[in-house]
C-alpha atoms as a PDB file:
ATOM      1  CA  MET A   1      61.812  54.373 -50.464  1.00  0.00           C
ATOM      2  CA  ALA A   2      60.370  51.305 -51.449  1.00  0.00           C
ATOM      3  CA  ALA A   3      61.059  48.151 -48.873  1.00  0.00           C
ATOM      4  CA  GLN A   4      62.141  45.197 -50.505  1.00  0.00           C
ATOM      5  CA  ASN A   5      61.979  41.565 -49.903  1.00  0.00           C
ATOM      6  CA  ASN A   6      64.839  40.383 -48.448  1.00  0.00           C
ATOM      7  CA  ALA A   7      65.430  36.346 -48.136  1.00  0.00           C
ATOM      8  CA  PRO A   8      66.400  34.988 -44.466  1.00  0.00           C
ATOM      9  CA  LEU A   9      69.438  32.873 -44.468  1.00  0.00           C
ATOM     10  CA  PRO A  10      69.057  29.171 -45.209  1.00  0.00           C
ATOM     11  CA  ASP A  11      68.202  26.719 -42.672  1.00  0.00           C
ATOM     12  CA  GLY A  12      71.073  24.611 -41.244  1.00  0.00           C
ATOM     13  CA  LEU A  13      73.736  27.543 -41.800  1.00  0.00           C
ATOM     14  CA  GLU A  14      76.276  27.142 -39.467  1.00  0.00           C
ATOM     15  CA  ILE A  15      77.290  31.040 -38.685  1.00  0.00           C
ATOM     16  CA  ALA A  16      79.472  32.083 -35.641  1.00  0.00           C
ATOM     17  CA  GLY A  17      78.998  28.955 -33.735  1.00  0.00           C
ATOM     18  CA  TYR A  18      75.614  28.793 -34.003  1.00  0.00           C
ATOM     19  CA  ARG A  19      73.001  26.291 -36.299  1.00  0.00           C
ATOM     20  CA  ILE A  20      69.927  28.186 -37.800  1.00  0.00           C
ATOM     21  CA  VAL A  21      67.153  26.360 -37.548  1.00  0.00           C
ATOM     22  CA  LYS A  22      64.509  28.571 -39.311  1.00  0.00           C
ATOM     23  CA  LYS A  23      63.366  32.304 -39.302  1.00  0.00           C
ATOM     24  CA  ILE A  24      60.682  33.009 -36.726  1.00  0.00           C
ATOM     25  CA  ALA A  25      59.504  36.613 -37.393  1.00  0.00           C
ATOM     26  CA  SER A  26      60.790  39.532 -39.740  1.00  0.00           C
ATOM     27  CA  GLY A  27      59.997  42.991 -40.259  1.00  0.00           C
ATOM     28  CA  GLY A  28      61.390  46.308 -42.255  1.00  0.00           C
ATOM     29  CA  PHE A  29      64.207  46.227 -39.911  1.00  0.00           C
ATOM     30  CA  SER A  30      65.202  42.705 -39.373  1.00  0.00           C
ATOM     31  CA  ILE A  31      65.146  39.105 -39.218  1.00  0.00           C
ATOM     32  CA  VAL A  32      65.009  37.176 -36.499  1.00  0.00           C
ATOM     33  CA  TYR A  33      65.898  33.039 -36.529  1.00  0.00           C
ATOM     34  CA  LEU A  34      65.574  30.343 -33.934  1.00  0.00           C
ATOM     35  CA  ALA A  35      69.363  28.817 -33.766  1.00  0.00           C
ATOM     36  CA  TYR A  36      71.150  26.516 -31.029  1.00  0.00           C
ATOM     37  CA  ASP A  37      74.490  26.869 -29.812  1.00  0.00           C
ATOM     38  CA  ALA A  38      77.102  24.761 -29.653  1.00  0.00           C
ATOM     39  CA  GLU A  39      76.032  23.110 -26.384  1.00  0.00           C
ATOM     40  CA  GLY A  40      72.493  22.962 -27.975  1.00  0.00           C
ATOM     41  CA  ASN A  41      70.717  25.490 -26.199  1.00  0.00           C
ATOM     42  CA  ALA A  42      68.399  27.516 -28.224  1.00  0.00           C
ATOM     43  CA  VAL A  43      68.722  31.187 -28.532  1.00  0.00           C
ATOM     44  CA  ALA A  44      67.046  33.827 -31.070  1.00  0.00           C
ATOM     45  CA  ILE A  45      69.379  35.746 -33.618  1.00  0.00           C
ATOM     46  CA  LYS A  46      68.282  38.738 -34.481  1.00  0.00           C
ATOM     47  CA  GLU A  47      70.113  40.583 -37.913  1.00  0.00           C
ATOM     48  CA  TYR A  48      70.208  43.614 -39.123  1.00  0.00           C
ATOM     49  CA  LEU A  49      68.649  44.015 -42.424  1.00  0.00           C
ATOM     50  CA  PRO A  50      66.753  46.986 -43.180  1.00  0.00           C
ATOM     51  CA  SER A  51      64.618  46.272 -46.030  1.00  0.00           C
ATOM     52  CA  ALA A  52      64.476  49.951 -47.456  1.00  0.00           C
ATOM     53  CA  LEU A  53      68.288  50.295 -47.943  1.00  0.00           C
ATOM     54  CA  ALA A  54      69.479  46.496 -48.296  1.00  0.00           C
ATOM     55  CA  LEU A  55      68.598  43.402 -50.489  1.00  0.00           C
ATOM     56  CA  ARG A  56      69.343  39.871 -50.216  1.00  0.00           C
ATOM     57  CA  GLN A  57      68.877  37.398 -53.095  1.00  0.00           C
ATOM     58  CA  PRO A  58      67.888  33.860 -52.464  1.00  0.00           C
ATOM     59  CA  GLY A  59      70.741  31.349 -52.086  1.00  0.00           C
ATOM     60  CA  GLU A  60      72.885  34.869 -51.046  1.00  0.00           C
ATOM     61  CA  LEU A  61      74.458  35.655 -47.550  1.00  0.00           C
ATOM     62  CA  THR A  62      75.681  38.716 -48.049  1.00  0.00           C
ATOM     63  CA  PRO A  63      73.169  41.706 -48.742  1.00  0.00           C
ATOM     64  CA  ILE A  64      73.710  44.237 -51.670  1.00  0.00           C
ATOM     65  CA  ILE A  65      73.412  47.733 -50.624  1.00  0.00           C
ATOM     66  CA  SER A  66      73.799  50.612 -53.298  1.00  0.00           C
ATOM     67  CA  LYS A  67      75.859  52.995 -52.725  1.00  0.00           C
ATOM     68  CA  PRO A  68      73.767  55.825 -52.060  1.00  0.00           C
ATOM     69  CA  ASN A  69      72.457  53.917 -49.074  1.00  0.00           C
ATOM     70  CA  LEU A  70      75.793  52.613 -47.894  1.00  0.00           C
ATOM     71  CA  PRO A  71      75.994  55.965 -45.147  1.00  0.00           C
ATOM     72  CA  VAL A  72      72.634  55.546 -43.368  1.00  0.00           C
ATOM     73  CA  PHE A  73      73.090  51.612 -43.576  1.00  0.00           C
ATOM     74  CA  ARG A  74      76.190  52.106 -41.755  1.00  0.00           C
ATOM     75  CA  ILE A  75      74.905  54.435 -39.454  1.00  0.00           C
ATOM     76  CA  GLY A  76      72.204  51.759 -38.752  1.00  0.00           C
ATOM     77  CA  LEU A  77      74.595  49.380 -38.286  1.00  0.00           C
ATOM     78  CA  LYS A  78      76.547  51.037 -35.510  1.00  0.00           C
ATOM     79  CA  CYS A  79      73.519  51.863 -33.511  1.00  0.00           C
ATOM     80  CA  PHE A  80      72.378  48.464 -33.697  1.00  0.00           C
ATOM     81  CA  PHE A  81      75.655  47.058 -32.795  1.00  0.00           C
ATOM     82  CA  GLU A  82      75.953  49.354 -29.767  1.00  0.00           C
ATOM     83  CA  GLU A  83      72.162  49.096 -28.732  1.00  0.00           C
ATOM     84  CA  GLY A  84      73.128  45.367 -28.717  1.00  0.00           C
ATOM     85  CA  ARG A  85      76.086  45.837 -26.359  1.00  0.00           C
ATOM     86  CA  ALA A  86      74.405  48.265 -23.972  1.00  0.00           C
ATOM     87  CA  LEU A  87      71.357  45.349 -23.242  1.00  0.00           C
ATOM     88  CA  ALA A  88      73.934  42.946 -23.086  1.00  0.00           C
ATOM     89  CA  ARG A  89      75.040  44.859 -19.746  1.00  0.00           C
ATOM     90  CA  ILE A  90      71.348  44.497 -18.893  1.00  0.00           C
ATOM     91  CA  VAL A  91      70.352  41.426 -16.487  1.00  0.00           C
ATOM     92  CA  HIS A  92      66.701  41.644 -15.357  1.00  0.00           C
ATOM     93  CA  PRO A  93      64.234  39.381 -15.611  1.00  0.00           C
ATOM     94  CA  ASN A  94      61.634  41.591 -17.731  1.00  0.00           C
ATOM     95  CA  VAL A  95      63.806  42.450 -20.529  1.00  0.00           C
ATOM     96  CA  VAL A  96      65.129  40.214 -22.880  1.00  0.00           C
ATOM     97  CA  ARG A  97      68.626  39.100 -22.443  1.00  0.00           C
ATOM     98  CA  VAL A  98      71.289  39.502 -24.976  1.00  0.00           C
ATOM     99  CA  VAL A  99      74.079  36.632 -24.783  1.00  0.00           C
ATOM    100  CA  ASN A 100      76.418  37.501 -27.428  1.00  0.00           C
ATOM    101  CA  PHE A 101      76.275  39.914 -30.803  1.00  0.00           C
ATOM    102  CA  PHE A 102      78.590  39.317 -33.847  1.00  0.00           C
ATOM    103  CA  ARG A 103      79.565  40.796 -37.130  1.00  0.00           C
ATOM    104  CA  ALA A 104      79.209  38.546 -40.265  1.00  0.00           C
ATOM    105  CA  ASN A 105      78.312  38.913 -43.803  1.00  0.00           C
ATOM    106  CA  GLU A 106      78.711  42.518 -43.856  1.00  0.00           C
ATOM    107  CA  THR A 107      76.082  43.357 -41.051  1.00  0.00           C
ATOM    108  CA  VAL A 108      75.212  42.962 -37.253  1.00  0.00           C
ATOM    109  CA  TYR A 109      73.736  39.911 -35.249  1.00  0.00           C
ATOM    110  CA  MET A 110      72.183  39.908 -31.899  1.00  0.00           C
ATOM    111  CA  VAL A 111      72.121  36.717 -29.751  1.00  0.00           C
ATOM    112  CA  MET A 112      69.031  36.686 -27.472  1.00  0.00           C
ATOM    113  CA  ALA A 113      67.999  34.016 -25.004  1.00  0.00           C
ATOM    114  CA  TYR A 114      64.952  32.130 -26.288  1.00  0.00           C
ATOM    115  CA  GLU A 115      62.205  31.166 -24.061  1.00  0.00           C
ATOM    116  CA  SER A 116      59.059  29.682 -24.382  1.00  0.00           C
ATOM    117  CA  GLY A 117      55.827  31.273 -24.548  1.00  0.00           C
ATOM    118  CA  GLN A 118      53.607  34.064 -26.400  1.00  0.00           C
ATOM    119  CA  THR A 119      53.497  37.262 -27.042  1.00  0.00           C
ATOM    120  CA  LEU A 120      50.870  39.817 -25.083  1.00  0.00           C
ATOM    121  CA  GLN A 121      49.029  40.318 -28.506  1.00  0.00           C
ATOM    122  CA  GLU A 122      48.728  36.780 -29.170  1.00  0.00           C
ATOM    123  CA  HIS A 123      47.271  36.432 -25.782  1.00  0.00           C
ATOM    124  CA  VAL A 124      45.026  39.000 -25.982  1.00  0.00           C
ATOM    125  CA  ALA A 125      43.567  37.427 -29.673  1.00  0.00           C
ATOM    126  CA  ARG A 126      43.072  34.346 -28.216  1.00  0.00           C
ATOM    127  CA  LEU A 127      41.195  35.505 -25.339  1.00  0.00           C
ATOM    128  CA  GLY A 128      39.113  37.690 -27.607  1.00  0.00           C
ATOM    129  CA  ALA A 129      38.537  34.226 -29.764  1.00  0.00           C
ATOM    130  CA  LYS A 130      36.645  33.071 -26.657  1.00  0.00           C
ATOM    131  CA  GLY A 131      35.021  35.961 -25.970  1.00  0.00           C
ATOM    132  CA  GLY A 132      37.208  36.563 -23.081  1.00  0.00           C
ATOM    133  CA  ARG A 133      39.794  39.721 -22.104  1.00  0.00           C
ATOM    134  CA  LEU A 134      42.254  40.087 -19.958  1.00  0.00           C
ATOM    135  CA  SER A 135      41.204  40.905 -16.382  1.00  0.00           C
ATOM    136  CA  GLU A 136      42.145  44.049 -14.423  1.00  0.00           C
ATOM    137  CA  ALA A 137      44.552  41.898 -11.786  1.00  0.00           C
ATOM    138  CA  GLN A 138      46.580  40.489 -14.975  1.00  0.00           C
ATOM    139  CA  ILE A 139      46.874  43.885 -16.569  1.00  0.00           C
ATOM    140  CA  ARG A 140      48.237  45.364 -13.164  1.00  0.00           C
ATOM    141  CA  HIS A 141      50.368  42.297 -13.264  1.00  0.00           C
ATOM    142  CA  VAL A 142      51.622  42.335 -16.550  1.00  0.00           C
ATOM    143  CA  PHE A 143      52.339  45.782 -16.805  1.00  0.00           C
ATOM    144  CA  ASN A 144      53.735  46.039 -13.376  1.00  0.00           C
ATOM    145  CA  GLY A 145      56.488  43.921 -14.659  1.00  0.00           C
ATOM    146  CA  VAL A 146      56.745  45.858 -18.153  1.00  0.00           C
ATOM    147  CA  CYS A 147      57.537  49.150 -16.135  1.00  0.00           C
ATOM    148  CA  SER A 148      60.134  47.281 -13.890  1.00  0.00           C
ATOM    149  CA  GLY A 149      61.751  46.335 -16.757  1.00  0.00           C
ATOM    150  CA  LEU A 150      61.591  49.637 -18.569  1.00  0.00           C
ATOM    151  CA  ARG A 151      63.116  51.319 -15.464  1.00  0.00           C
ATOM    152  CA  GLU A 152      65.886  49.597 -16.008  1.00  0.00           C
ATOM    153  CA  VAL A 153      66.354  50.304 -19.352  1.00  0.00           C
ATOM    154  CA  HIS A 154      65.810  54.033 -18.592  1.00  0.00           C
ATOM    155  CA  ALA A 155      68.662  53.737 -15.394  1.00  0.00           C
ATOM    156  CA  ASN A 156      71.092  52.358 -18.472  1.00  0.00           C
ATOM    157  CA  LYS A 157      70.678  55.507 -21.055  1.00  0.00           C
ATOM    158  CA  LEU A 158      68.420  53.613 -23.481  1.00  0.00           C
ATOM    159  CA  LEU A 159      64.802  53.886 -24.725  1.00  0.00           C
ATOM    160  CA  HIS A 160      62.888  51.404 -25.955  1.00  0.00           C
ATOM    161  CA  LEU A 161      60.502  53.144 -28.755  1.00  0.00           C
ATOM    162  CA  ASP A 162      58.891  50.535 -30.032  1.00  0.00           C
ATOM    163  CA  LEU A 163      56.689  49.211 -26.777  1.00  0.00           C
ATOM    164  CA  LYS A 164      53.398  47.146 -27.884  1.00  0.00           C
ATOM    165  CA  PRO A 165      51.265  44.023 -26.993  1.00  0.00           C
ATOM    166  CA  ALA A 166      53.916  42.840 -29.842  1.00  0.00           C
ATOM    167  CA  ASN A 167      56.609  43.259 -28.202  1.00  0.00           C
ATOM    168  CA  ILE A 168      55.915  41.927 -24.689  1.00  0.00           C
ATOM    169  CA  TYR A 169      56.638  38.494 -24.677  1.00  0.00           C
ATOM    170  CA  LEU A 170      54.826  36.334 -22.033  1.00  0.00           C
ATOM    171  CA  ARG A 171      56.583  33.432 -20.649  1.00  0.00           C
ATOM    172  CA  THR A 172      54.773  30.128 -19.756  1.00  0.00           C
ATOM    173  CA  ASP A 173      54.794  30.992 -16.048  1.00  0.00           C
ATOM    174  CA  GLY A 174      52.719  34.613 -17.098  1.00  0.00           C
ATOM    175  CA  THR A 175      56.128  36.802 -16.581  1.00  0.00           C
ATOM    176  CA  PRO A 176      56.228  39.441 -18.987  1.00  0.00           C
ATOM    177  CA  MET A 177      59.493  40.420 -20.938  1.00  0.00           C
ATOM    178  CA  LEU A 178      60.181  43.305 -23.086  1.00  0.00           C
ATOM    179  CA  LEU A 179      61.833  42.508 -26.709  1.00  0.00           C
ATOM    180  CA  ASP A 180      62.688  44.195 -30.066  1.00  0.00           C
ATOM    181  CA  PHE A 181      63.810  48.034 -29.118  1.00  0.00           C
ATOM    182  CA  GLY A 182      63.462  50.765 -31.345  1.00  0.00           C
ATOM    183  CA  ALA A 183      66.045  53.202 -30.632  1.00  0.00           C
ATOM    184  CA  ALA A 184      68.198  51.860 -33.392  1.00  0.00           C
ATOM    185  CA  ARG A 185      65.441  52.078 -36.058  1.00  0.00           C
ATOM    186  CA  GLN A 186      64.412  55.810 -35.133  1.00  0.00           C
ATOM    187  CA  THR A 187      68.210  56.623 -35.427  1.00  0.00           C
ATOM    188  CA  ILE A 188      67.969  55.437 -39.240  1.00  0.00           C
ATOM    189  CA  ASN A 189      64.762  57.555 -39.541  1.00  0.00           C
ATOM    190  CA  SER A 190      65.647  60.525 -38.627  1.00  0.00           C
ATOM    191  CA  ASP A 191      69.252  60.689 -40.384  1.00  0.00           C
ATOM    192  CA  LEU A 192      67.199  59.402 -43.786  1.00  0.00           C
ATOM    193  CA  PRO A 193      63.648  61.690 -43.844  1.00  0.00           C
ATOM    194  CA  MET A 194      63.264  59.649 -47.363  1.00  0.00           C
ATOM    195  CA  LEU A 195      62.771  56.202 -45.611  1.00  0.00           C
ATOM    196  CA  ALA A 196      58.946  55.235 -44.437  1.00  0.00           C
ATOM    197  CA  PRO A 197      58.632  55.859 -40.713  1.00  0.00           C
ATOM    198  CA  MET A 198      59.473  52.725 -38.440  1.00  0.00           C
ATOM    199  CA  TYR A 199      57.585  53.185 -36.021  1.00  0.00           C
ATOM    200  CA  THR A 200      53.891  51.512 -34.982  1.00  0.00           C
ATOM    201  CA  PRO A 201      50.568  53.896 -35.652  1.00  0.00           C
ATOM    202  CA  GLY A 202      48.624  53.736 -32.641  1.00  0.00           C
ATOM    203  CA  PHE A 203      51.010  52.942 -30.243  1.00  0.00           C
ATOM    204  CA  ALA A 204      53.644  55.449 -31.192  1.00  0.00           C
ATOM    205  CA  ALA A 205      54.180  58.670 -29.156  1.00  0.00           C
ATOM    206  CA  PRO A 206      53.345  61.988 -31.076  1.00  0.00           C
ATOM    207  CA  ASP A 207      56.945  62.795 -30.209  1.00  0.00           C
ATOM    208  CA  LEU A 208      58.149  60.116 -32.654  1.00  0.00           C
ATOM    209  CA  TYR A 209      56.162  61.741 -35.599  1.00  0.00           C
ATOM    210  CA  SER A 210      58.459  64.722 -35.200  1.00  0.00           C
ATOM    211  CA  LYS A 211      61.917  65.627 -36.344  1.00  0.00           C
ATOM    212  CA  THR A 212      62.872  68.366 -33.725  1.00  0.00           C
ATOM    213  CA  GLU A 213      60.663  66.886 -30.401  1.00  0.00           C
ATOM    214  CA  PRO A 214      62.725  65.188 -28.039  1.00  0.00           C
ATOM    215  CA  LEU A 215      62.508  61.950 -27.051  1.00  0.00           C
ATOM    216  CA  GLY A 216      62.807  60.532 -23.558  1.00  0.00           C
ATOM    217  CA  PRO A 217      61.172  58.325 -20.796  1.00  0.00           C
ATOM    218  CA  TRP A 218      57.712  60.394 -21.486  1.00  0.00           C
ATOM    219  CA  SER A 219      57.896  58.631 -25.313  1.00  0.00           C
ATOM    220  CA  ASP A 220      57.579  55.083 -23.920  1.00  0.00           C
ATOM    221  CA  ILE A 221      55.180  56.109 -21.320  1.00  0.00           C
ATOM    222  CA  TYR A 222      52.726  57.176 -23.902  1.00  0.00           C
ATOM    223  CA  SER A 223      53.206  53.832 -25.233  1.00  0.00           C
ATOM    224  CA  ILE A 224      52.619  51.740 -22.276  1.00  0.00           C
ATOM    225  CA  GLY A 225      49.658  53.871 -21.856  1.00  0.00           C
ATOM    226  CA  ALA A 226      48.608  52.709 -25.467  1.00  0.00           C
ATOM    227  CA  ALA A 227      49.316  49.108 -24.671  1.00  0.00           C
ATOM    228  CA  ILE A 228      47.391  48.824 -21.392  1.00  0.00           C
ATOM    229  CA  PHE A 229      44.431  50.360 -23.742  1.00  0.00           C
ATOM    230  CA  ALA A 230      44.884  47.818 -26.494  1.00  0.00           C
ATOM    231  CA  CYS A 231      44.646  45.043 -23.742  1.00  0.00           C
ATOM    232  CA  MET A 232      41.425  46.665 -22.385  1.00  0.00           C
ATOM    233  CA  ALA A 233      39.595  47.218 -25.829  1.00  0.00           C
ATOM    234  CA  ALA A 234      40.820  44.454 -27.986  1.00  0.00           C
ATOM    235  CA  SER A 235      42.049  47.144 -30.358  1.00  0.00           C
ATOM    236  CA  THR A 236      44.618  49.337 -31.384  1.00  0.00           C
ATOM    237  CA  PRO A 237      44.161  53.054 -29.942  1.00  0.00           C
ATOM    238  CA  GLN A 238      43.873  55.882 -32.592  1.00  0.00           C
ATOM    239  CA  PRO A 239      47.141  56.396 -33.999  1.00  0.00           C
ATOM    240  CA  ALA A 240      48.449  60.282 -32.453  1.00  0.00           C
ATOM    241  CA  ASP A 241      48.558  62.298 -35.280  1.00  0.00           C
ATOM    242  CA  GLN A 242      44.945  61.643 -36.695  1.00  0.00           C
ATOM    243  CA  ARG A 243      44.213  62.704 -32.642  1.00  0.00           C
ATOM    244  CA  LYS A 244      45.362  65.953 -33.418  1.00  0.00           C
ATOM    245  CA  ASP A 245      42.679  66.546 -35.773  1.00  0.00           C
ATOM    246  CA  LYS A 246      39.796  64.816 -33.578  1.00  0.00           C
ATOM    247  CA  ASP A 247      40.771  62.956 -30.751  1.00  0.00           C
ATOM    248  CA  ARG A 248      38.634  60.108 -30.322  1.00  0.00           C
ATOM    249  CA  MET A 249      40.060  58.376 -27.121  1.00  0.00           C
ATOM    250  CA  GLY A 250      38.309  59.862 -24.467  1.00  0.00           C
ATOM    251  CA  ALA A 251      35.120  58.330 -26.228  1.00  0.00           C
ATOM    252  CA  ALA A 252      36.992  55.244 -26.045  1.00  0.00           C
ATOM    253  CA  PHE A 253      38.157  54.894 -22.886  1.00  0.00           C
ATOM    254  CA  ALA A 254      34.480  56.193 -21.760  1.00  0.00           C
ATOM    255  CA  LYS A 255      33.199  52.417 -23.184  1.00  0.00           C
ATOM    256  CA  LEU A 256      35.603  51.036 -21.167  1.00  0.00           C
ATOM    257  CA  ALA A 257      34.020  52.398 -17.778  1.00  0.00           C
ATOM    258  CA  GLY A 258      32.742  49.609 -15.376  1.00  0.00           C
ATOM    259  CA  SER A 259      34.862  47.088 -16.789  1.00  0.00           C
ATOM    260  CA  TYR A 260      38.200  48.701 -15.218  1.00  0.00           C
ATOM    261  CA  SER A 261      39.013  50.809 -12.498  1.00  0.00           C
ATOM    262  CA  PRO A 262      38.726  54.304 -12.414  1.00  0.00           C
ATOM    263  CA  GLU A 263      42.193  54.821 -11.423  1.00  0.00           C
ATOM    264  CA  LEU A 264      43.703  52.321 -14.168  1.00  0.00           C
ATOM    265  CA  LEU A 265      41.618  53.952 -16.839  1.00  0.00           C
ATOM    266  CA  ASP A 266      42.717  57.514 -15.505  1.00  0.00           C
ATOM    267  CA  MET A 267      46.210  56.118 -15.524  1.00  0.00           C
ATOM    268  CA  ALA A 268      46.197  55.154 -19.225  1.00  0.00           C
ATOM    269  CA  GLN A 269      44.426  57.676 -20.535  1.00  0.00           C
ATOM    270  CA  SER A 270      46.767  60.175 -18.841  1.00  0.00           C
ATOM    271  CA  CYS A 271      49.862  58.373 -20.333  1.00  0.00           C
ATOM    272  CA  LEU A 272      48.067  58.991 -23.623  1.00  0.00           C
ATOM    273  CA  ALA A 273      48.377  62.876 -23.355  1.00  0.00           C
ATOM    274  CA  LEU A 274      49.270  64.245 -26.624  1.00  0.00           C
ATOM    275  CA  ASP A 275      51.551  66.866 -24.670  1.00  0.00           C
ATOM    276  CA  PRO A 276      54.445  65.223 -23.423  1.00  0.00           C
ATOM    277  CA  LEU A 277      54.254  67.746 -20.552  1.00  0.00           C
ATOM    278  CA  ALA A 278      51.240  66.514 -19.461  1.00  0.00           C
ATOM    279  CA  ARG A 279      51.801  62.693 -18.975  1.00  0.00           C
ATOM    280  CA  PRO A 280      53.456  60.896 -16.025  1.00  0.00           C
ATOM    281  CA  GLN A 281      57.391  61.378 -16.488  1.00  0.00           C
ATOM    282  CA  SER A 282      58.300  58.710 -14.503  1.00  0.00           C
ATOM    283  CA  VAL A 283      57.833  54.923 -14.779  1.00  0.00           C
ATOM    284  CA  PHE A 284      58.369  54.455 -11.387  1.00  0.00           C
ATOM    285  CA  ALA A 285      55.186  56.705 -10.931  1.00  0.00           C
ATOM    286  CA  LEU A 286      52.914  54.105 -12.983  1.00  0.00           C
ATOM    287  CA  GLN A 287      54.311  51.150 -10.912  1.00  0.00           C
ATOM    288  CA  LYS A 288      52.636  52.955  -7.875  1.00  0.00           C
ATOM    289  CA  VAL A 289      49.433  52.892  -9.468  1.00  0.00           C
ATOM    290  CA  LEU A 290      49.389  49.580 -10.800  1.00  0.00           C
ATOM    291  CA  GLN A 291      50.509  47.925  -7.405  1.00  0.00           C
ATOM    292  CA  ALA A 292      48.190  50.430  -5.342  1.00  0.00           C
ATOM    293  CA  THR A 293      45.232  47.939  -5.192  1.00  0.00           C
ATOM    294  CA  ARG A 294      45.711  44.548  -3.360  1.00  0.00           C
ATOM    295  CA  GLY A 295      41.865  43.706  -3.471  1.00  0.00           C
ATOM    296  CA  GLY A 296      39.086  45.207  -5.166  1.00  0.00           C
ATOM    297  CA  ALA A 297      39.719  45.742  -8.497  1.00  0.00           C
ATOM    298  CA  ALA A 298      42.770  44.061  -8.678  1.00  0.00           C
ATOM    299  CA  THR A 299      40.957  40.799  -8.202  1.00  0.00           C
ATOM    300  CA  GLY A 300      39.871  41.235 -11.716  1.00  0.00           C
ATOM    301  CA  VAL A 301      37.130  42.476 -13.884  1.00  0.00           C
ATOM    302  CA  GLY A 302      33.392  43.056 -12.374  1.00  0.00           C
ATOM    303  CA  ALA A 303      35.219  43.463  -8.705  1.00  0.00           C
ATOM    304  CA  PRO A 304      34.551  46.253  -6.769  1.00  0.00           C
ATOM    305  CA  ALA A 305      36.523  49.023  -7.677  1.00  0.00           C
ATOM    306  CA  GLY A 306      38.783  51.609  -5.903  1.00  0.00           C
ATOM    307  CA  LEU A 307      39.293  49.549  -2.605  1.00  0.00           C
ATOM    308  CA  ASP A 308      42.605  48.571  -0.738  1.00  0.00           C
ATOM    309  CA  GLY A 309      42.891  45.220   0.253  1.00  0.00           C
ATOM    310  CA  ALA A 310      41.271  46.242   3.462  1.00  0.00           C
ATOM    311  CA  GLY A 311      38.216  47.515   1.623  1.00  0.00           C
ATOM    312  CA  LYS A 312      39.315  51.344   2.335  1.00  0.00           C
ATOM    313  CA  PRO A 313      39.303  54.024  -0.759  1.00  0.00           C
ATOM    314  CA  VAL A 314      42.514  53.785  -2.400  1.00  0.00           C
ATOM    315  CA  GLN A 315      43.843  57.300  -3.764  1.00  0.00           C
ATOM    316  CA  GLY A 316      43.845  58.479  -7.288  1.00  0.00           C
ATOM    317  CA  TRP A 317      46.312  57.856  -9.641  1.00  0.00           C
ATOM    318  CA  ARG A 318      47.203  61.575  -9.502  1.00  0.00           C
ATOM    319  CA  ALA A 319      48.078  61.845  -6.006  1.00  0.00           C
ATOM    320  CA  LEU A 320      49.995  58.832  -6.208  1.00  0.00           C
ATOM    321  CA  VAL A 321      51.995  60.752  -8.831  1.00  0.00           C
ATOM    322  CA  GLU A 322      52.592  63.532  -7.094  1.00  0.00           C
ATOM    323  CA  ARG A 323      53.733  61.646  -3.681  1.00  0.00           C
ATOM    324  CA  PHE A 324      55.955  59.332  -5.329  1.00  0.00           C
ATOM    325  CA  ALA A 325      57.469  60.941  -8.528  1.00  0.00           C
ATOM    326  CA  SER A 326      59.106  64.014  -9.967  1.00  0.00           C
ATOM    327  CA  THR A 327      57.432  65.313 -12.674  1.00  0.00           C
ATOM    328  CA  LYS A 328      60.146  67.327 -14.457  1.00  0.00           C
ATOM    329  CA  ARG A 329      60.935  66.299 -17.774  1.00  0.00           C
ATOM    330  CA  GLY A 330      64.809  66.412 -17.753  1.00  0.00           C
ATOM    331  CA  LYS A 331      65.104  63.460 -15.085  1.00  0.00           C
ATOM    332  CA  ALA A 332      65.221  59.975 -16.305  1.00  0.00           C
ATOM    333  CA  GLY A 333      62.364  57.931 -15.544  1.00  0.00           C
ATOM    334  CA  THR A 334      63.779  55.725 -13.040  1.00  0.00           C
END
């Protein structure tokens, strides 16, 4: 089913006590606006408006949904609402803060705290334009925070399912925050197979390509590995469906040898295992690896790799996984 171009809400519109300033992002599933609340605080408002199911004309507020699309639109709306309600219970510095959600214009809106900064994707692109890239210390710092937020998400029985540098937001102080969860999008996609997939090639686990493969923390862990690789190589990983025919990720990681420590490279590559059971099953395990080296490789690209703060060799990631995490697939990734 072809996606349609939906008109955003008009600038200056007052809705549920918020004043829309402008559209700041849009995609196949939603539109995000910068707005102000009654006290003058900036917020981001995310509007549920899947372009393959609904069409809003310029000047209109309520979208047009054809009768055949209405059941799936309502399923997605319910999932979006429930996802927002679940996120509103999470108060964590590394997870976007949902402060309100409301119904209007026959759809649902999620109100989030707005913070100044940039996405990790934008930061990597700016560094690349100057001939630079993220150091190992920066990668460890950012993804340790990402993992902290993701552990809280998994503890609340949620999955992200669209983790990528574009959905990791760096505040002005450099701390990361998870944005734009994809669980509701996956629900819509599974309920209406004719819709175009709503995952991001290169960052989506092979589990998301299947209608029968169960999803879990291991699915987000694949995306963590993909996001780390993208920061190292400044390029998108090979899509999972293509890897089943000819896997080029081993060669891609080999090119990074010497620029990053073997422990970090090995961990990221293991996250990208096509077999869900071959990946680390716990985000906690990844954090132990990211926190393992306080000196040496953790000081940046080109620093001695594989040494701790006392100059002693550190354990490889596999030994750390065996020590700190259960590998049973059925357990939550906390």
